[in-house]
Amino acid sequence: MSQRPLFDPDRIRPPADARSGNPPDSGTYTVRQVNELVRGALAQHLPATLHVLGEVGDVSRPASGHLYFTLKDTGNELACVMWRSAATRQRFELQPGMEVIATGFIDVYAPRGTYQMSVRRLEPRGVGALELAFRQLKERLEAEGLFDPRRKRPLPAVPRCIAIITSPAGAAIRDILQTLRRRFPALRVLVFPVRVQGEGAAAEIAAAIEQMNAHAAELGGLDAAIVGRGGGSLEDLWAFNEEVVARAIAASQIPIISAVGHEVDVSISDLVADVRAATPTAAAELIAPRLSDLLERLAQQVTRATRATRHALDLARARLAAALAYDGLARPLNRVQARAQRLDELTHRLTVAVRERQRLARQRSERAELALLRFRAGAHFRRLSERLAEHVLRLHRALARPAMRGEQALALRLARLERAAPTRHLDRLDEQWHQVCRRLELAAGSVRKRDRRRLAARLEALAAYNPQHVLRRGYSITRDARTRRIIRSVEEIRAGLRISTQLHDGEFRATSDDPHQPRLFD
């Protein structure tokens, strides 16, 4: 029994004509009919679903949202397309060089007559799609610094009000509220209900974080927040691995504790949050102090404050007793009496010193008066007056002679200046200047006339050499018609040369004969 071939063209009915609806003429197909024929053959003879393993080559994602790429192995390539509806569900970012398993079917792109694989799902080879998407997002956010410990804030020691962003129907909210009620009943709790799994859950979580920050002041202030859910599979926890949730946590002004799944589960939210809790119950224990611990700490502080107060009072009493034992405070009048006695002593010493100064001054005054009486004032002043008059006379004589000599010298100099007065020289120089100016004007006029005559003569000479004037006298200029070069000798003429002859009223062209060959009919 012979095996049936995979592709048998006889088993395929050609499609009807696209316009008339009738089958094509025998042996004649349109391009569209051929493409439809190939598409039908592929649909009938290839499986409806194919799983293709290959390495990703070129990747293109235009604005339409569709994903175009190629799968290749050694020496072969397969064009692939992933429509937008399937590409939006893709968790990881497709990159060249990745080895993937593409699931889909083979189809024909009729406008170009090429076949391609229409991919419905992509799975990385050797690693799950969710795990690969987790790694890619983690590397990108870590490169941006969202995991940097320096940007994370500490939790308040004793919070007054916190927010919880989780599902209101899950076990996580019950565990958190029970733990908070047991540890710190006075804590005020606000619950923001959101979905924690499924499509759209990440957007709800991010929106709840943004609303919490926007309305924190209206709610009376929030000290911290818990974002999380109970355990589950990687798919169930995936909402906390979305980029939108990670960026909302990073942008929050309120410290956030991430409590997702169990202790072994690590999500992107855990890495971005200010504090990571292994479970939702652990998150409640981190944020809420135990009431008994607070009371014990308060008792210790009261005890330390009491001891410090007693110590301060004892120290103050000791200082007061020492101050009261001081002699200045115990008997203040003693210091006043001692200062009064000292003042009396200084007053007595000052009185004695003033009296002694007055006595000495009186003695000096009496001695000066006796000396004046013994001094012969009249005869002494007369001698001084005579000597003064003699000195004045000598001074007048000494000053009169230089003054007379100075007046004589001044008169001589004035006479010399009058004889050498510059006004005479100026008049003479002015007359000479006018004469020189007249001479210069006459010389300039003669030079201009001479230059005009020379210019006229040269213009006449130039006019005589003007080629137009020469041409008017019957001469002509002959040039090579092609090169416009002037022909100066008969040796430059050859038979059939196109020449151009210029006359005074125009130019004409002609063809020359060989001057060395005599003409037959002269």
Protein backbone atom coordinates (compact mmCIF):
# COMPACT_ATOMS: atom_id res chain seq x y z
CA MET A 1 0.00 0.00 0.00
CA SER A 2 1.50 3.32 -1.12
CA GLN A 3 1.72 6.13 1.39
CA ARG A 4 -0.35 9.22 0.60
CA PRO A 5 1.81 12.31 0.06
CA LEU A 6 1.53 15.18 2.52
CA PHE A 7 0.53 17.62 -0.23
CA ASP A 8 -1.62 16.45 -3.13
CA PRO A 9 -2.66 19.34 -5.46
CA ASP A 10 -5.36 17.14 -7.07
CA ARG A 11 -7.25 16.98 -3.78
CA ILE A 12 -7.55 20.76 -3.52
CA ARG A 13 -10.40 22.48 -5.26
CA PRO A 14 -9.32 25.79 -6.71
CA PRO A 15 -11.19 28.69 -5.17
CA ALA A 16 -13.85 30.55 -7.11
CA ASP A 17 -12.93 33.75 -8.86
CA ALA A 18 -12.94 36.62 -6.40
CA ARG A 19 -15.08 38.86 -8.60
CA SER A 20 -17.38 36.57 -10.63
CA GLY A 21 -17.70 33.73 -8.15
CA ASN A 22 -17.03 31.24 -10.91
CA PRO A 23 -14.05 28.90 -11.08
CA PRO A 24 -11.21 30.20 -13.26
CA ASP A 25 -10.68 29.15 -16.83
CA SER A 26 -8.79 25.91 -17.29
CA GLY A 27 -5.10 26.41 -16.66
CA THR A 28 -5.40 30.14 -15.79
CA TYR A 29 -5.28 31.52 -12.18
CA THR A 30 -5.06 35.00 -10.78
CA VAL A 31 -2.38 35.85 -8.25
CA ARG A 32 -4.96 36.04 -5.50
CA GLN A 33 -6.35 32.63 -6.47
CA VAL A 34 -2.89 31.11 -6.29
CA ASN A 35 -2.35 32.58 -2.80
CA GLU A 36 -5.74 31.28 -1.69
CA LEU A 37 -4.89 27.89 -3.18
CA VAL A 38 -1.66 27.77 -1.15
CA ARG A 39 -3.49 28.90 1.99
CA GLY A 40 -6.07 26.15 1.56
CA ALA A 41 -3.35 23.56 0.99
CA LEU A 42 -1.55 24.59 4.16
CA ALA A 43 -4.76 24.61 6.17
CA GLN A 44 -5.69 21.07 5.02
CA HIS A 45 -2.30 19.40 5.23
CA LEU A 46 -0.62 21.08 8.24
CA PRO A 47 -1.62 20.65 11.90
CA ALA A 48 -3.88 23.35 13.31
CA THR A 49 -1.39 23.98 16.12
CA LEU A 50 2.39 23.85 15.79
CA HIS A 51 5.08 24.15 18.46
CA VAL A 52 8.25 25.57 16.89
CA LEU A 53 11.58 25.79 18.70
CA GLY A 54 14.02 28.44 17.46
CA GLU A 55 16.19 31.41 18.25
CA VAL A 56 14.65 34.87 18.01
CA GLY A 57 16.15 37.01 15.27
CA ASP A 58 14.92 40.49 14.37
CA VAL A 59 12.13 41.86 16.58
CA SER A 60 9.84 44.75 15.62
CA ARG A 61 6.93 46.25 17.60
CA PRO A 62 5.24 49.07 15.61
CA ALA A 63 2.68 51.50 16.95
CA SER A 64 -0.15 49.11 16.10
CA GLY A 65 0.94 46.86 18.99
CA HIS A 66 1.52 43.78 16.81
CA LEU A 67 4.78 41.89 17.28
CA TYR A 68 6.86 40.85 14.25
CA PHE A 69 9.93 38.63 14.59
CA THR A 70 11.79 35.74 13.02
CA LEU A 71 12.68 32.31 14.36
CA LYS A 72 15.86 30.78 13.05
CA ASP A 73 18.14 27.82 13.42
CA THR A 74 21.17 26.74 11.40
CA GLY A 75 20.64 28.15 7.90
CA ASN A 76 16.83 28.55 8.13
CA GLU A 77 14.43 31.32 9.13
CA LEU A 78 10.68 31.48 9.76
CA ALA A 79 8.77 34.78 9.71
CA CYS A 80 6.37 35.11 12.65
CA VAL A 81 3.67 37.55 13.69
CA MET A 82 1.95 37.88 17.06
CA TRP A 83 -1.21 39.96 16.91
CA ARG A 84 -1.85 42.67 19.46
CA SER A 85 -4.51 40.66 21.33
CA ALA A 86 -1.92 37.96 22.09
CA ALA A 87 1.09 40.30 22.46
CA THR A 88 -0.56 42.27 25.30
CA ARG A 89 -0.87 39.05 27.33
CA GLN A 90 2.84 38.33 26.96
CA ARG A 91 4.51 38.63 30.37
CA PHE A 92 8.16 38.94 29.30
CA GLU A 93 9.86 41.17 26.76
CA LEU A 94 10.97 39.38 23.60
CA GLN A 95 14.61 40.09 22.76
CA PRO A 96 16.91 38.92 19.93
CA GLY A 97 18.96 35.85 20.77
CA MET A 98 16.39 34.25 23.10
CA GLU A 99 15.51 30.62 22.49
CA VAL A 100 11.74 30.21 22.65
CA ILE A 101 8.96 27.76 21.82
CA ALA A 102 6.31 29.43 19.65
CA THR A 103 2.81 28.00 19.56
CA GLY A 104 0.53 28.85 16.62
CA PHE A 105 -0.26 27.94 13.03
CA ILE A 106 1.11 28.58 9.53
CA ASP A 107 -0.74 31.14 7.46
CA VAL A 108 -0.25 32.89 4.09
CA TYR A 109 0.16 36.67 3.82
CA ALA A 110 -1.69 37.12 0.53
CA PRO A 111 -0.57 40.68 -0.38
CA ARG A 112 3.04 39.49 -0.62
CA GLY A 113 2.54 35.83 -1.37
CA THR A 114 4.63 34.73 1.61
CA TYR A 115 3.82 32.38 4.42
CA GLN A 116 4.36 33.16 8.10
CA MET A 117 3.58 31.69 11.48
CA SER A 118 0.76 33.30 13.43
CA VAL A 119 1.92 32.90 17.06
CA ARG A 120 -0.60 32.67 19.88
CA ARG A 121 1.83 32.01 22.76
CA LEU A 122 5.59 32.20 23.44
CA GLU A 123 7.43 30.19 26.07
CA PRO A 124 11.16 30.72 26.84
CA ARG A 125 13.23 27.56 26.46
CA GLY A 126 14.54 26.33 29.81
CA VAL A 127 12.74 28.96 31.96
CA GLY A 128 9.10 29.89 32.47
CA ALA A 129 7.63 33.03 30.97
CA LEU A 130 6.70 34.46 34.37
CA GLU A 131 10.14 33.77 35.78
CA LEU A 132 11.80 35.44 32.80
CA ALA A 133 9.50 38.45 33.07
CA PHE A 134 10.34 38.65 36.80
CA ARG A 135 14.08 38.65 36.06
CA GLN A 136 13.81 41.27 33.34
CA LEU A 137 11.73 43.66 35.46
CA LYS A 138 13.99 43.13 38.47
CA GLU A 139 17.13 43.96 36.48
CA ARG A 140 15.57 47.08 34.98
CA LEU A 141 14.25 48.46 38.29
CA GLU A 142 17.49 47.63 40.08
CA ALA A 143 19.42 49.57 37.42
CA GLU A 144 17.14 52.56 38.08
CA GLY A 145 17.95 52.43 41.83
CA LEU A 146 14.48 51.45 43.12
CA PHE A 147 16.02 48.74 45.32
CA ASP A 148 18.65 51.03 46.86
CA PRO A 149 18.52 50.73 50.69
CA ARG A 150 19.39 54.42 51.03
CA ARG A 151 16.00 55.50 49.66
CA LYS A 152 14.04 53.34 52.12
CA ARG A 153 12.52 54.91 55.25
CA PRO A 154 12.24 53.49 58.77
CA LEU A 155 8.89 52.62 60.34
CA PRO A 156 7.48 54.80 63.15
CA ALA A 157 8.08 53.44 66.65
CA VAL A 158 4.48 53.98 67.81
CA PRO A 159 2.11 54.58 64.88
CA ARG A 160 -1.29 56.15 65.44
CA CYS A 161 -2.97 55.27 62.13
CA ILE A 162 -2.04 52.83 59.34
CA ALA A 163 -3.55 51.70 56.04
CA ILE A 164 -3.99 48.14 54.75
CA ILE A 165 -4.23 47.55 50.97
CA THR A 166 -5.42 44.01 50.32
CA SER A 167 -8.46 41.95 49.47
CA PRO A 168 -11.26 42.33 52.04
CA ALA A 169 -12.27 38.69 51.54
CA GLY A 170 -8.88 37.05 51.96
CA ALA A 171 -7.30 35.41 54.96
CA ALA A 172 -4.54 38.01 55.04
CA ILE A 173 -6.82 40.83 56.23
CA ARG A 174 -8.20 38.66 59.05
CA ASP A 175 -4.71 37.69 60.22
CA ILE A 176 -3.51 41.29 60.13
CA LEU A 177 -6.51 42.70 62.03
CA GLN A 178 -6.37 39.97 64.69
CA THR A 179 -2.67 40.55 65.25
CA LEU A 180 -3.12 44.34 65.45
CA ARG A 181 -6.06 43.99 67.88
CA ARG A 182 -4.05 41.64 70.09
CA ARG A 183 -0.84 43.69 70.11
CA PHE A 184 -2.03 47.30 70.02
CA PRO A 185 -5.81 47.86 70.25
CA ALA A 186 -5.46 51.65 70.22
CA LEU A 187 -4.10 51.65 66.66
CA ARG A 188 -6.44 53.17 64.06
CA VAL A 189 -6.67 51.05 60.88
CA LEU A 190 -8.00 52.04 57.42
CA VAL A 191 -8.62 49.31 54.84
CA PHE A 192 -8.38 49.97 51.09
CA PRO A 193 -10.12 46.99 49.43
CA VAL A 194 -8.58 45.81 46.13
CA ARG A 195 -8.32 42.66 44.07
CA VAL A 196 -5.02 40.86 44.62
CA GLN A 197 -5.02 38.48 41.64
CA GLY A 198 -6.37 38.28 38.15
CA GLU A 199 -6.41 40.74 35.28
CA GLY A 200 -6.61 44.37 36.43
CA ALA A 201 -5.52 43.59 40.01
CA ALA A 202 -2.16 45.39 39.62
CA ALA A 203 -3.86 48.55 38.39
CA GLU A 204 -6.24 48.52 41.39
CA ILE A 205 -3.36 48.10 43.85
CA ALA A 206 -1.38 50.95 42.27
CA ALA A 207 -4.46 53.20 42.23
CA ALA A 208 -5.13 52.45 45.93
CA ILE A 209 -1.56 53.42 46.84
CA GLU A 210 -1.89 56.70 44.92
CA GLN A 211 -5.26 57.50 46.55
CA MET A 212 -3.86 56.71 49.98
CA ASN A 213 -1.06 59.27 49.48
CA ALA A 214 -3.38 61.86 47.93
CA HIS A 215 -5.95 61.73 50.78
CA ALA A 216 -3.65 61.03 53.72
CA ALA A 217 -4.11 64.52 55.19
CA GLU A 218 -7.91 64.32 54.86
CA LEU A 219 -7.88 60.96 56.65
CA GLY A 220 -6.10 62.48 59.65
CA GLY A 221 -2.59 61.40 58.69
CA LEU A 222 -1.14 57.96 57.96
CA ASP A 223 2.07 56.71 59.57
CA ALA A 224 2.58 53.54 57.49
CA ALA A 225 0.82 51.10 55.17
CA ILE A 226 0.74 47.33 54.59
CA VAL A 227 0.41 46.05 51.00
CA GLY A 228 0.09 42.31 50.45
CA ARG A 229 -1.91 39.11 50.38
CA GLY A 230 -1.70 35.47 51.47
CA GLY A 231 0.20 32.70 49.79
CA GLY A 232 -0.43 31.19 46.37
CA SER A 233 1.23 30.17 43.13
CA LEU A 234 3.44 32.43 41.07
CA GLU A 235 0.50 33.24 38.84
CA ASP A 236 -1.66 34.13 41.86
CA LEU A 237 1.03 36.45 43.26
CA TRP A 238 1.88 38.00 39.89
CA ALA A 239 -0.04 41.26 40.51
CA PHE A 240 2.70 42.22 43.00
CA ASN A 241 5.35 41.64 40.33
CA GLU A 242 3.87 44.21 37.93
CA GLU A 243 5.85 47.34 37.13
CA VAL A 244 2.91 49.65 37.84
CA VAL A 245 2.70 48.39 41.45
CA ALA A 246 6.47 48.66 41.94
CA ARG A 247 6.55 52.28 40.75
CA ALA A 248 3.53 53.21 42.87
CA ILE A 249 5.28 51.82 45.99
CA ALA A 250 8.50 53.65 45.12
CA ALA A 251 6.62 56.95 44.64
CA SER A 252 4.69 56.66 47.93
CA GLN A 253 5.38 59.31 50.57
CA ILE A 254 4.13 56.94 53.30
CA PRO A 255 6.40 54.06 54.42
CA ILE A 256 5.11 50.77 53.03
CA ILE A 257 5.52 47.21 54.32
CA SER A 258 5.25 44.54 51.62
CA ALA A 259 3.74 41.25 52.84
CA VAL A 260 3.17 38.95 49.87
CA GLY A 261 2.75 35.19 50.19
CA HIS A 262 4.94 33.14 52.50
CA GLU A 263 8.54 33.55 53.60
CA VAL A 264 9.92 31.74 50.52
CA ASP A 265 8.00 34.00 48.12
CA VAL A 266 9.95 37.08 47.00
CA SER A 267 8.15 39.60 44.80
CA ILE A 268 9.14 42.86 43.13
CA SER A 269 6.98 44.66 45.70
CA ASP A 270 9.12 43.16 48.50
CA LEU A 271 12.28 44.56 46.90
CA VAL A 272 10.90 48.06 46.31
CA ALA A 273 9.03 48.50 49.62
CA ASP A 274 10.63 50.20 52.61
CA VAL A 275 10.29 47.01 54.72
CA ARG A 276 9.63 43.40 53.66
CA ALA A 277 7.61 41.08 55.89
CA ALA A 278 7.66 37.33 55.42
CA THR A 279 3.88 37.05 55.91
CA PRO A 280 0.94 39.39 56.49
CA THR A 281 0.97 38.41 60.19
CA ALA A 282 4.67 39.32 60.39
CA ALA A 283 3.86 42.68 58.81
CA ALA A 284 1.30 43.38 61.55
CA GLU A 285 3.87 42.45 64.19
CA LEU A 286 6.44 44.78 62.63
CA ILE A 287 4.14 47.79 62.49
CA ALA A 288 2.27 47.39 65.80
CA PRO A 289 4.21 47.30 69.09
CA ARG A 290 2.97 44.95 71.80
CA LEU A 291 0.91 46.82 74.41
CA SER A 292 2.59 45.00 77.29
CA ASP A 293 5.99 46.01 75.88
CA LEU A 294 4.87 49.64 75.69
CA LEU A 295 3.56 49.55 79.28
CA GLU A 296 6.80 47.95 80.47
CA ARG A 297 8.85 50.53 78.56
CA LEU A 298 6.67 53.29 80.04
CA ALA A 299 7.18 51.92 83.54
CA GLN A 300 10.94 51.85 82.99
CA GLN A 301 10.90 55.41 81.76
CA VAL A 302 8.80 56.49 84.77
CA THR A 303 11.27 54.78 87.08
CA ARG A 304 14.24 56.46 85.38
CA ALA A 305 12.46 59.82 85.48
CA THR A 306 11.69 59.40 89.21
CA ARG A 307 15.31 58.55 89.98
CA ALA A 308 16.56 61.45 87.94
CA THR A 309 14.12 63.82 89.69
CA ARG A 310 15.18 62.62 93.14
CA HIS A 311 18.83 62.99 92.24
CA ALA A 312 18.22 66.52 90.94
CA LEU A 313 16.33 67.45 94.15
CA ASP A 314 19.12 66.09 96.37
CA LEU A 315 21.69 68.00 94.36
CA ALA A 316 19.63 71.21 94.60
CA ARG A 317 19.27 70.79 98.39
CA ALA A 318 23.04 70.35 98.77
CA ARG A 319 23.71 73.46 96.69
CA LEU A 320 21.19 75.44 98.77
CA ALA A 321 22.77 74.33 102.05
CA ALA A 322 26.24 75.32 100.76
CA ALA A 323 24.91 78.70 99.68
CA LEU A 324 23.27 79.31 103.05
CA ALA A 325 26.51 78.39 104.83
CA TYR A 326 28.41 81.09 102.91
CA ASP A 327 29.43 84.00 105.20
CA GLY A 328 28.20 86.62 102.76
CA LEU A 329 24.69 85.26 102.89
CA ALA A 330 24.69 84.29 106.55
CA ARG A 331 25.86 87.73 107.86
CA PRO A 332 25.46 90.30 105.03
CA LEU A 333 25.90 93.37 107.39
CA ASN A 334 29.49 92.41 108.14
CA ARG A 335 30.55 93.09 104.55
CA VAL A 336 28.70 96.43 104.56
CA GLN A 337 30.36 97.53 107.81
CA ALA A 338 33.81 96.53 106.54
CA ARG A 339 33.28 98.53 103.33
CA ALA A 340 32.11 101.58 105.37
CA GLN A 341 35.25 101.44 107.52
CA ARG A 342 37.42 101.22 104.42
CA LEU A 343 35.64 104.26 102.98
CA ASP A 344 36.37 106.31 106.13
CA GLU A 345 40.06 105.45 105.92
CA LEU A 346 40.31 106.51 102.30
CA THR A 347 38.45 109.78 103.01
CA HIS A 348 40.92 110.70 105.81
CA ARG A 349 43.91 109.94 103.58
CA LEU A 350 42.50 112.10 100.81
CA THR A 351 41.94 115.05 103.18
CA VAL A 352 45.53 114.90 104.45
CA ALA A 353 46.92 114.77 100.90
CA VAL A 354 44.88 117.82 99.78
CA ARG A 355 46.05 119.88 102.72
CA GLU A 356 49.70 119.04 102.02
CA ARG A 357 49.30 120.04 98.33
CA GLN A 358 47.79 123.39 99.34
CA ARG A 359 50.67 124.14 101.73
CA LEU A 360 53.32 123.47 99.13
CA ALA A 361 51.57 125.63 96.55
CA ARG A 362 51.36 128.53 99.00
CA GLN A 363 55.09 128.34 99.66
CA ARG A 364 55.96 128.45 95.93
CA SER A 365 53.70 131.49 95.44
CA GLU A 366 55.40 133.44 98.24
CA ARG A 367 58.87 132.76 96.84
CA ALA A 368 57.85 133.98 93.37
CA GLU A 369 56.40 137.18 94.78
CA LEU A 370 59.65 138.01 96.62
CA ALA A 371 61.67 137.42 93.42
CA LEU A 372 59.48 139.85 91.49
CA LEU A 373 59.92 142.55 94.09
CA ARG A 374 63.67 142.27 93.84
CA PHE A 375 63.54 142.48 90.02
CA ARG A 376 64.07 145.99 88.60
CA ALA A 377 61.44 145.97 86.04
CA GLY A 378 61.84 149.60 84.70
CA ALA A 379 65.54 149.62 83.73
CA HIS A 380 65.33 146.15 82.28
CA PHE A 381 62.40 146.99 79.92
CA ARG A 382 64.12 150.15 78.69
CA ARG A 383 67.23 148.28 77.64
CA LEU A 384 65.10 145.72 75.83
CA SER A 385 63.26 148.50 73.90
CA GLU A 386 66.52 150.11 72.71
CA ARG A 387 67.87 146.81 71.49
CA LEU A 388 64.61 146.09 69.67
CA ALA A 389 64.67 149.46 67.84
CA GLU A 390 68.24 148.89 66.71
CA HIS A 391 67.36 145.46 65.32
CA VAL A 392 64.36 146.88 63.46
CA LEU A 393 66.51 149.58 61.79
CA ARG A 394 69.06 147.04 60.66
CA LEU A 395 66.33 144.81 59.28
CA HIS A 396 64.81 147.72 57.30
CA ARG A 397 68.14 148.60 55.74
CA ALA A 398 68.86 144.97 54.88
CA LEU A 399 65.50 144.64 53.13
CA ALA A 400 65.57 148.00 51.26
CA ARG A 401 68.72 147.28 49.19
CA PRO A 402 67.53 143.96 47.62
CA ALA A 403 64.20 145.56 46.80
CA MET A 404 65.80 148.43 44.91
CA ARG A 405 68.00 146.03 42.97
CA GLY A 406 64.96 143.93 42.07
CA GLU A 407 63.05 146.99 40.78
CA GLN A 408 65.96 147.98 38.56
CA ALA A 409 66.29 144.45 37.11
CA LEU A 410 62.54 144.33 36.46
CA ALA A 411 62.63 147.62 34.58
CA LEU A 412 65.45 146.38 32.34
CA ARG A 413 63.55 143.21 31.50
CA LEU A 414 60.40 145.16 30.63
CA ALA A 415 62.36 147.32 28.23
CA ARG A 416 63.83 144.23 26.55
CA LEU A 417 60.39 142.66 26.18
CA GLU A 418 58.99 145.79 24.57
CA ARG A 419 61.81 145.82 22.03
CA ALA A 420 61.27 142.08 21.28
CA ALA A 421 57.43 142.29 21.12
CA PRO A 422 56.00 139.39 19.02
CA THR A 423 53.34 141.56 17.33
CA ARG A 424 55.85 142.90 14.82
CA HIS A 425 57.08 139.46 13.89
CA LEU A 426 53.50 138.23 13.56
CA ASP A 427 52.59 140.98 11.11
CA ARG A 428 55.63 140.23 8.97
CA LEU A 429 54.95 136.49 9.02
CA ASP A 430 51.31 137.10 8.09
CA GLU A 431 52.33 139.07 5.00
CA GLN A 432 54.78 136.34 4.00
CA TRP A 433 52.02 133.73 4.42
CA HIS A 434 49.63 135.55 2.10
CA GLN A 435 52.35 135.83 -0.54
CA VAL A 436 53.11 132.09 -0.36
CA CYS A 437 49.39 131.25 -0.65
CA ARG A 438 49.06 133.36 -3.82
CA ARG A 439 52.10 131.70 -5.33
CA LEU A 440 50.69 128.25 -4.52
CA GLU A 441 47.36 129.09 -6.16
CA LEU A 442 49.09 130.26 -9.35
CA ALA A 443 51.31 127.16 -9.42
CA ALA A 444 48.33 124.83 -8.88
CA GLY A 445 46.42 126.49 -11.72
CA SER A 446 49.30 126.07 -14.13
CA VAL A 447 49.76 122.42 -13.06
CA ARG A 448 46.07 121.69 -13.69
CA LYS A 449 46.18 123.26 -17.15
CA ARG A 450 49.28 121.25 -18.02
CA ASP A 451 47.69 117.98 -16.79
CA ARG A 452 44.53 118.68 -18.82
CA ARG A 453 46.60 119.17 -21.98
CA ARG A 454 48.51 115.92 -21.32
CA LEU A 455 45.26 114.01 -20.66
CA ALA A 456 43.69 115.30 -23.89
CA ALA A 457 46.78 114.26 -25.86
CA ARG A 458 46.74 110.78 -24.38
CA LEU A 459 43.03 110.39 -25.06
CA GLU A 460 43.63 111.31 -28.70
CA ALA A 461 46.44 108.75 -28.88
CA LEU A 462 44.21 106.08 -27.39
CA ALA A 463 41.44 106.90 -29.84
CA ALA A 464 43.91 106.52 -32.68
CA TYR A 465 44.81 103.02 -31.44
CA ASN A 466 41.15 101.96 -31.01
CA PRO A 467 40.50 98.83 -33.16
CA GLN A 468 37.09 100.16 -34.23
CA HIS A 469 38.71 103.19 -35.83
CA VAL A 470 41.16 100.94 -37.62
CA LEU A 471 38.30 98.76 -38.89
CA ARG A 472 36.48 101.84 -40.21
CA ARG A 473 39.50 102.57 -42.39
CA GLY A 474 38.92 99.25 -44.27
CA TYR A 475 40.79 96.73 -42.18
CA SER A 476 39.35 93.47 -40.74
CA ILE A 477 40.16 90.86 -38.10
CA THR A 478 40.07 87.15 -38.97
CA ARG A 479 39.62 84.50 -36.24
CA ASP A 480 39.22 80.75 -35.99
CA ALA A 481 35.42 80.36 -35.75
CA ARG A 482 35.69 77.51 -33.25
CA THR A 483 38.46 78.70 -30.92
CA ARG A 484 38.05 82.48 -31.51
CA ARG A 485 41.85 82.71 -31.88
CA ILE A 486 43.16 85.50 -34.19
CA ILE A 487 44.82 84.18 -37.36
CA ARG A 488 48.11 86.03 -37.81
CA SER A 489 49.78 84.05 -40.61
CA VAL A 490 48.85 82.22 -43.83
CA GLU A 491 50.60 79.18 -42.35
CA GLU A 492 47.71 78.78 -39.94
CA ILE A 493 45.18 78.36 -42.78
CA ARG A 494 44.16 74.86 -43.87
CA ALA A 495 41.51 73.64 -46.22
CA GLY A 496 37.96 73.63 -44.85
CA LEU A 497 38.81 75.78 -41.82
CA ARG A 498 35.82 77.70 -40.53
CA ILE A 499 36.87 81.32 -40.10
CA SER A 500 35.11 84.41 -38.77
CA THR A 501 35.89 87.87 -40.19
CA GLN A 502 35.05 90.99 -38.15
CA LEU A 503 34.42 94.33 -39.96
CA HIS A 504 33.57 97.72 -38.44
CA ASP A 505 29.81 97.15 -38.93
CA GLY A 506 29.51 93.39 -38.25
CA GLU A 507 30.93 89.90 -38.60
CA PHE A 508 30.56 87.10 -41.18
CA ARG A 509 31.79 83.51 -41.41
CA ALA A 510 33.35 81.54 -44.25
CA THR A 511 35.31 78.43 -45.12
CA SER A 512 38.94 78.78 -46.23
CA ASP A 513 40.86 77.00 -49.04
CA ASP A 514 44.37 75.70 -48.78
CA PRO A 515 46.57 78.65 -49.81
CA HIS A 516 49.32 76.29 -50.98
CA GLN A 517 47.06 74.58 -53.59
CA PRO A 518 46.29 76.67 -56.72
CA ARG A 519 42.67 76.93 -57.69
CA LEU A 520 41.64 75.34 -60.96
CA PHE A 521 39.33 78.06 -62.17
CA ASP A 522 40.97 81.38 -61.38
